[in-house]
């Protein structure tokens, strides 16, 4: 028989979790190695339109328009993230209601 020990967050980890979960201006979510959504913050809910229970466990390609899917962009991004340790890309994404959202403008670092 296999027993799993429940994860107990340290005070620092708990503060970080609360910080990320409370951010509403940015969609912040974690993917597992296969590209499935493992965490979801308030900003992701506001921007993407999904409640955590609806989207956690779904593949991140859910957010990509068909053209990007046809070009293999989600698979490429996942491979690059595995190779380099992270991947960032701004492009058109699909919300829960089917509307697409343009890339977010970035401010130059000062």
N, C-alpha and C. Protein backbone atom coordinates (compact mmCIF):
# COMPACT_ATOMS: atom_id res chain seq x y z
N UNK A 1 0.83 -1.17 0.00
CA UNK A 1 0.00 0.00 0.00
C UNK A 1 0.89 1.25 0.00
N UNK A 2 0.52 2.24 -0.80
CA UNK A 2 1.29 3.47 -0.89
C UNK A 2 0.56 4.59 -0.17
N UNK A 3 1.29 5.30 0.65
CA UNK A 3 0.72 6.44 1.37
C UNK A 3 1.36 7.71 0.86
N UNK A 4 0.54 8.73 0.66
CA UNK A 4 1.07 10.03 0.25
C UNK A 4 1.04 10.97 1.45
N UNK A 5 2.14 11.63 1.66
CA UNK A 5 2.21 12.62 2.71
C UNK A 5 1.65 13.92 2.16
N UNK A 6 0.69 14.54 2.83
CA UNK A 6 0.16 15.80 2.32
C UNK A 6 1.24 16.89 2.30
N UNK A 7 1.17 17.75 1.29
CA UNK A 7 2.12 18.85 1.18
C UNK A 7 1.79 19.90 2.23
N UNK A 8 2.78 20.29 2.97
CA UNK A 8 2.62 21.34 3.97
C UNK A 8 3.54 22.49 3.57
N UNK A 9 2.95 23.61 3.25
CA UNK A 9 3.72 24.78 2.81
C UNK A 9 4.41 25.44 4.00
N UNK A 10 5.62 25.93 3.74
CA UNK A 10 6.31 26.73 4.75
C UNK A 10 5.63 28.10 4.80
N UNK A 11 5.86 28.86 5.85
CA UNK A 11 5.27 30.22 5.90
C UNK A 11 5.65 31.07 4.68
N UNK A 12 6.87 30.93 4.20
CA UNK A 12 7.30 31.70 3.03
C UNK A 12 6.54 31.26 1.79
N UNK A 13 6.39 29.96 1.61
CA UNK A 13 5.64 29.44 0.46
C UNK A 13 4.17 29.87 0.51
N UNK A 14 3.62 29.88 1.69
CA UNK A 14 2.23 30.29 1.86
C UNK A 14 2.05 31.77 1.54
N UNK A 15 2.97 32.62 1.98
CA UNK A 15 2.91 34.05 1.65
C UNK A 15 3.02 34.26 0.14
N UNK A 16 3.91 33.52 -0.51
CA UNK A 16 4.07 33.64 -1.95
C UNK A 16 2.80 33.19 -2.67
N UNK A 17 2.20 32.09 -2.23
CA UNK A 17 0.95 31.61 -2.83
C UNK A 17 -0.14 32.67 -2.71
N UNK A 18 -0.26 33.27 -1.54
CA UNK A 18 -1.27 34.31 -1.33
C UNK A 18 -1.02 35.53 -2.22
N UNK A 19 0.25 35.89 -2.38
CA UNK A 19 0.61 37.01 -3.24
C UNK A 19 0.18 36.74 -4.68
N UNK A 20 0.57 35.60 -5.22
CA UNK A 20 0.26 35.27 -6.61
C UNK A 20 -1.25 35.14 -6.80
N UNK A 21 -1.93 34.47 -5.89
CA UNK A 21 -3.37 34.29 -6.03
C UNK A 21 -4.12 35.62 -6.01
N UNK A 22 -3.59 36.62 -5.33
CA UNK A 22 -4.27 37.90 -5.22
C UNK A 22 -4.03 38.86 -6.37
N UNK A 23 -3.07 38.59 -7.22
CA UNK A 23 -2.78 39.48 -8.35
C UNK A 23 -3.91 39.40 -9.36
N UNK A 24 -4.48 40.56 -9.71
CA UNK A 24 -5.62 40.57 -10.63
C UNK A 24 -5.31 41.18 -11.99
N UNK A 25 -4.19 41.86 -12.12
CA UNK A 25 -3.87 42.51 -13.39
C UNK A 25 -3.11 41.62 -14.36
N UNK A 26 -2.66 40.46 -13.91
CA UNK A 26 -1.89 39.54 -14.75
C UNK A 26 -2.39 38.12 -14.56
N UNK A 27 -2.48 37.39 -15.65
CA UNK A 27 -2.84 35.98 -15.59
C UNK A 27 -1.57 35.19 -15.28
N UNK A 28 -1.53 34.59 -14.10
CA UNK A 28 -0.38 33.80 -13.69
C UNK A 28 -0.87 32.38 -13.41
N UNK A 29 -0.30 31.44 -14.15
CA UNK A 29 -0.67 30.05 -13.92
C UNK A 29 0.53 29.17 -14.19
N UNK A 30 0.51 28.02 -13.55
CA UNK A 30 1.60 27.06 -13.64
C UNK A 30 1.16 25.89 -14.49
N UNK A 31 2.08 25.40 -15.33
CA UNK A 31 1.82 24.22 -16.14
C UNK A 31 2.63 23.06 -15.62
N UNK A 32 2.10 21.84 -15.78
CA UNK A 32 2.93 20.68 -15.48
C UNK A 32 3.78 20.39 -16.73
N UNK A 33 4.62 19.39 -16.66
CA UNK A 33 5.55 19.12 -17.77
C UNK A 33 4.85 18.75 -19.08
N UNK A 34 3.63 18.28 -19.00
CA UNK A 34 2.91 17.91 -20.22
C UNK A 34 2.04 19.04 -20.76
N UNK A 35 2.07 20.20 -20.09
CA UNK A 35 1.33 21.37 -20.59
C UNK A 35 -0.06 21.54 -20.01
N UNK A 36 -0.38 20.78 -18.97
CA UNK A 36 -1.68 20.92 -18.33
C UNK A 36 -1.60 21.95 -17.21
N UNK A 37 -2.65 22.72 -17.08
CA UNK A 37 -2.68 23.81 -16.11
C UNK A 37 -2.77 23.23 -14.69
N UNK A 38 -1.85 23.67 -13.84
CA UNK A 38 -1.76 23.14 -12.48
C UNK A 38 -2.15 24.17 -11.42
N UNK A 39 -2.14 25.46 -11.76
CA UNK A 39 -2.57 26.49 -10.81
C UNK A 39 -3.18 27.64 -11.60
N UNK A 40 -3.93 28.49 -10.91
CA UNK A 40 -4.71 29.54 -11.57
C UNK A 40 -4.92 30.67 -10.59
N UNK A 41 -4.60 31.91 -10.98
CA UNK A 41 -4.79 33.02 -10.04
C UNK A 41 -6.01 33.87 -10.42
N UNK A 42 -6.30 34.86 -9.58
CA UNK A 42 -7.46 35.73 -9.79
C UNK A 42 -7.34 36.51 -11.10
N UNK A 43 -6.14 36.92 -11.45
CA UNK A 43 -5.94 37.63 -12.71
C UNK A 43 -6.25 36.75 -13.91
N UNK A 44 -5.85 35.49 -13.84
CA UNK A 44 -6.15 34.55 -14.92
C UNK A 44 -7.67 34.39 -15.05
N UNK A 45 -8.35 34.30 -13.92
CA UNK A 45 -9.81 34.18 -13.95
C UNK A 45 -10.43 35.40 -14.61
N UNK A 46 -9.97 36.59 -14.21
CA UNK A 46 -10.53 37.83 -14.77
C UNK A 46 -10.22 37.98 -16.25
N UNK A 47 -9.00 37.67 -16.66
CA UNK A 47 -8.56 37.90 -18.04
C UNK A 47 -9.05 36.80 -18.98
N UNK A 48 -8.94 35.56 -18.56
CA UNK A 48 -9.29 34.42 -19.43
C UNK A 48 -10.75 34.01 -19.33
N UNK A 49 -11.39 34.29 -18.18
CA UNK A 49 -12.80 33.99 -18.03
C UNK A 49 -13.13 32.64 -17.42
N UNK A 50 -12.14 31.83 -17.10
CA UNK A 50 -12.36 30.51 -16.51
C UNK A 50 -12.21 30.56 -15.00
N UNK A 51 -13.05 29.84 -14.30
CA UNK A 51 -12.85 29.59 -12.87
C UNK A 51 -11.78 28.52 -12.76
N UNK A 52 -11.08 28.49 -11.64
CA UNK A 52 -10.00 27.51 -11.45
C UNK A 52 -10.49 26.09 -11.68
N UNK A 53 -11.64 25.75 -11.14
CA UNK A 53 -12.17 24.40 -11.28
C UNK A 53 -12.50 23.99 -12.70
N UNK A 54 -12.72 24.97 -13.57
CA UNK A 54 -13.03 24.68 -14.97
C UNK A 54 -11.79 24.42 -15.81
N UNK A 55 -10.66 25.02 -15.43
CA UNK A 55 -9.50 25.02 -16.31
C UNK A 55 -8.32 24.21 -15.78
N UNK A 56 -8.19 24.08 -14.47
CA UNK A 56 -7.07 23.28 -13.94
C UNK A 56 -7.22 21.85 -14.45
N UNK A 57 -6.12 21.34 -14.99
CA UNK A 57 -6.11 20.01 -15.58
C UNK A 57 -6.27 20.00 -17.09
N UNK A 58 -6.73 21.12 -17.66
CA UNK A 58 -6.86 21.24 -19.12
C UNK A 58 -5.51 21.61 -19.72
N UNK A 59 -5.32 21.31 -20.99
CA UNK A 59 -4.06 21.63 -21.67
C UNK A 59 -4.03 23.12 -22.01
N UNK A 60 -2.85 23.72 -21.90
CA UNK A 60 -2.74 25.17 -22.12
C UNK A 60 -3.03 25.56 -23.56
N UNK A 61 -3.01 24.61 -24.49
CA UNK A 61 -3.33 24.93 -25.88
C UNK A 61 -4.78 25.40 -26.03
N UNK A 62 -5.59 25.24 -24.99
CA UNK A 62 -6.96 25.75 -24.96
C UNK A 62 -6.99 27.23 -25.29
N UNK A 63 -5.93 27.95 -24.97
CA UNK A 63 -5.89 29.40 -25.15
C UNK A 63 -5.41 29.84 -26.53
N UNK A 64 -5.06 28.92 -27.40
CA UNK A 64 -4.46 29.27 -28.68
C UNK A 64 -5.47 29.23 -29.81
N UNK A 65 -5.40 30.22 -30.72
CA UNK A 65 -6.27 30.19 -31.89
C UNK A 65 -5.89 29.01 -32.80
N UNK A 66 -6.81 28.61 -33.64
CA UNK A 66 -6.60 27.46 -34.51
C UNK A 66 -5.35 27.59 -35.37
N UNK A 67 -5.07 28.79 -35.86
CA UNK A 67 -3.87 28.98 -36.71
C UNK A 67 -2.60 28.60 -35.94
N UNK A 68 -2.50 29.04 -34.70
CA UNK A 68 -1.33 28.70 -33.88
C UNK A 68 -1.27 27.20 -33.62
N UNK A 69 -2.43 26.58 -33.42
CA UNK A 69 -2.47 25.13 -33.23
C UNK A 69 -1.98 24.41 -34.49
N UNK A 70 -2.46 24.88 -35.65
CA UNK A 70 -2.06 24.27 -36.93
C UNK A 70 -0.55 24.40 -37.17
N UNK A 71 0.03 25.48 -36.68
CA UNK A 71 1.47 25.72 -36.83
C UNK A 71 2.29 24.99 -35.76
N UNK A 72 1.63 24.34 -34.80
CA UNK A 72 2.34 23.60 -33.76
C UNK A 72 2.96 24.47 -32.68
N UNK A 73 2.47 25.69 -32.54
CA UNK A 73 3.07 26.62 -31.59
C UNK A 73 3.03 26.13 -30.14
N UNK A 74 1.90 25.64 -29.64
CA UNK A 74 1.92 25.17 -28.24
C UNK A 74 2.94 24.06 -28.00
N UNK A 75 3.04 23.11 -28.91
CA UNK A 75 4.01 22.01 -28.74
C UNK A 75 5.44 22.55 -28.77
N UNK A 76 5.72 23.49 -29.66
CA UNK A 76 7.05 24.09 -29.73
C UNK A 76 7.39 24.80 -28.43
N UNK A 77 6.44 25.57 -27.91
CA UNK A 77 6.68 26.32 -26.68
C UNK A 77 6.94 25.38 -25.50
N UNK A 78 6.22 24.30 -25.43
CA UNK A 78 6.42 23.34 -24.35
C UNK A 78 7.80 22.69 -24.45
N UNK A 79 8.23 22.36 -25.66
CA UNK A 79 9.56 21.77 -25.85
C UNK A 79 10.66 22.76 -25.47
N UNK A 80 10.49 24.01 -25.86
CA UNK A 80 11.48 25.04 -25.51
C UNK A 80 11.54 25.26 -24.00
N UNK A 81 10.38 25.26 -23.36
CA UNK A 81 10.35 25.43 -21.91
C UNK A 81 11.08 24.27 -21.23
N UNK A 82 10.91 23.07 -21.74
CA UNK A 82 11.60 21.91 -21.15
C UNK A 82 13.10 22.01 -21.39
N UNK A 83 13.48 22.51 -22.55
CA UNK A 83 14.90 22.61 -22.91
C UNK A 83 15.60 23.72 -22.14
N UNK A 84 14.97 24.88 -22.06
CA UNK A 84 15.60 26.07 -21.49
C UNK A 84 15.21 26.29 -20.02
N UNK A 85 14.07 25.79 -19.63
CA UNK A 85 13.62 25.98 -18.26
C UNK A 85 12.48 26.97 -18.13
N UNK A 86 12.16 27.66 -19.21
CA UNK A 86 11.04 28.61 -19.24
C UNK A 86 10.80 29.03 -20.67
N UNK A 87 9.65 29.64 -20.91
CA UNK A 87 9.35 30.16 -22.24
C UNK A 87 8.32 31.27 -22.09
N UNK A 88 8.56 32.37 -22.76
CA UNK A 88 7.60 33.47 -22.77
C UNK A 88 7.30 33.83 -24.21
N UNK A 89 6.04 34.06 -24.49
CA UNK A 89 5.62 34.46 -25.83
C UNK A 89 4.33 35.25 -25.70
N UNK A 90 4.26 36.32 -26.43
CA UNK A 90 3.04 37.10 -26.46
C UNK A 90 2.41 36.93 -27.83
N UNK A 91 1.16 36.64 -27.85
CA UNK A 91 0.45 36.46 -29.12
C UNK A 91 -1.04 36.43 -28.85
N UNK A 92 -1.81 36.28 -29.90
CA UNK A 92 -3.25 36.22 -29.76
C UNK A 92 -3.64 34.98 -28.98
N UNK A 93 -4.57 35.14 -28.05
CA UNK A 93 -5.04 34.04 -27.22
C UNK A 93 -6.57 34.03 -27.21
N UNK A 94 -7.13 32.87 -26.94
CA UNK A 94 -8.58 32.68 -26.92
C UNK A 94 -9.07 32.64 -25.48
N UNK A 95 -10.12 33.42 -25.22
CA UNK A 95 -10.75 33.43 -23.90
C UNK A 95 -11.87 32.39 -23.83
N UNK A 96 -12.41 32.20 -22.66
CA UNK A 96 -13.48 31.22 -22.48
C UNK A 96 -14.67 31.52 -23.39
N UNK A 97 -15.00 32.79 -23.55
CA UNK A 97 -16.17 33.16 -24.36
C UNK A 97 -15.90 33.08 -25.86
N UNK A 98 -14.69 32.65 -26.24
CA UNK A 98 -14.35 32.50 -27.66
C UNK A 98 -13.73 33.73 -28.29
N UNK A 99 -13.79 34.86 -27.59
CA UNK A 99 -13.16 36.06 -28.14
C UNK A 99 -11.64 35.90 -28.07
N UNK A 100 -10.96 36.54 -29.00
CA UNK A 100 -9.50 36.52 -28.95
C UNK A 100 -9.01 37.82 -28.36
N UNK A 101 -7.88 37.74 -27.67
CA UNK A 101 -7.29 38.93 -27.09
C UNK A 101 -5.91 39.13 -27.70
N UNK A 102 -5.57 40.39 -28.02
CA UNK A 102 -4.27 40.67 -28.62
C UNK A 102 -3.15 40.55 -27.60
N UNK A 103 -1.92 40.50 -28.09
CA UNK A 103 -0.78 40.48 -27.17
C UNK A 103 -0.80 41.69 -26.27
N UNK A 104 -0.37 41.51 -25.04
CA UNK A 104 -0.29 42.62 -24.10
C UNK A 104 0.92 43.48 -24.42
N UNK A 105 0.75 44.81 -24.42
CA UNK A 105 1.93 45.65 -24.62
C UNK A 105 2.86 45.56 -23.43
N UNK A 106 4.14 45.62 -23.68
CA UNK A 106 5.12 45.59 -22.60
C UNK A 106 5.79 46.94 -22.49
N UNK A 107 6.04 47.33 -21.27
CA UNK A 107 6.78 48.56 -21.05
C UNK A 107 8.26 48.25 -21.04
N UNK A 108 9.07 49.10 -21.67
CA UNK A 108 10.51 48.84 -21.62
C UNK A 108 11.05 49.02 -20.20
N UNK A 109 12.03 48.24 -19.86
CA UNK A 109 12.62 48.36 -18.52
C UNK A 109 13.35 49.68 -18.42
N UNK A 110 13.23 50.31 -17.26
CA UNK A 110 13.93 51.59 -17.06
C UNK A 110 14.89 51.47 -15.90
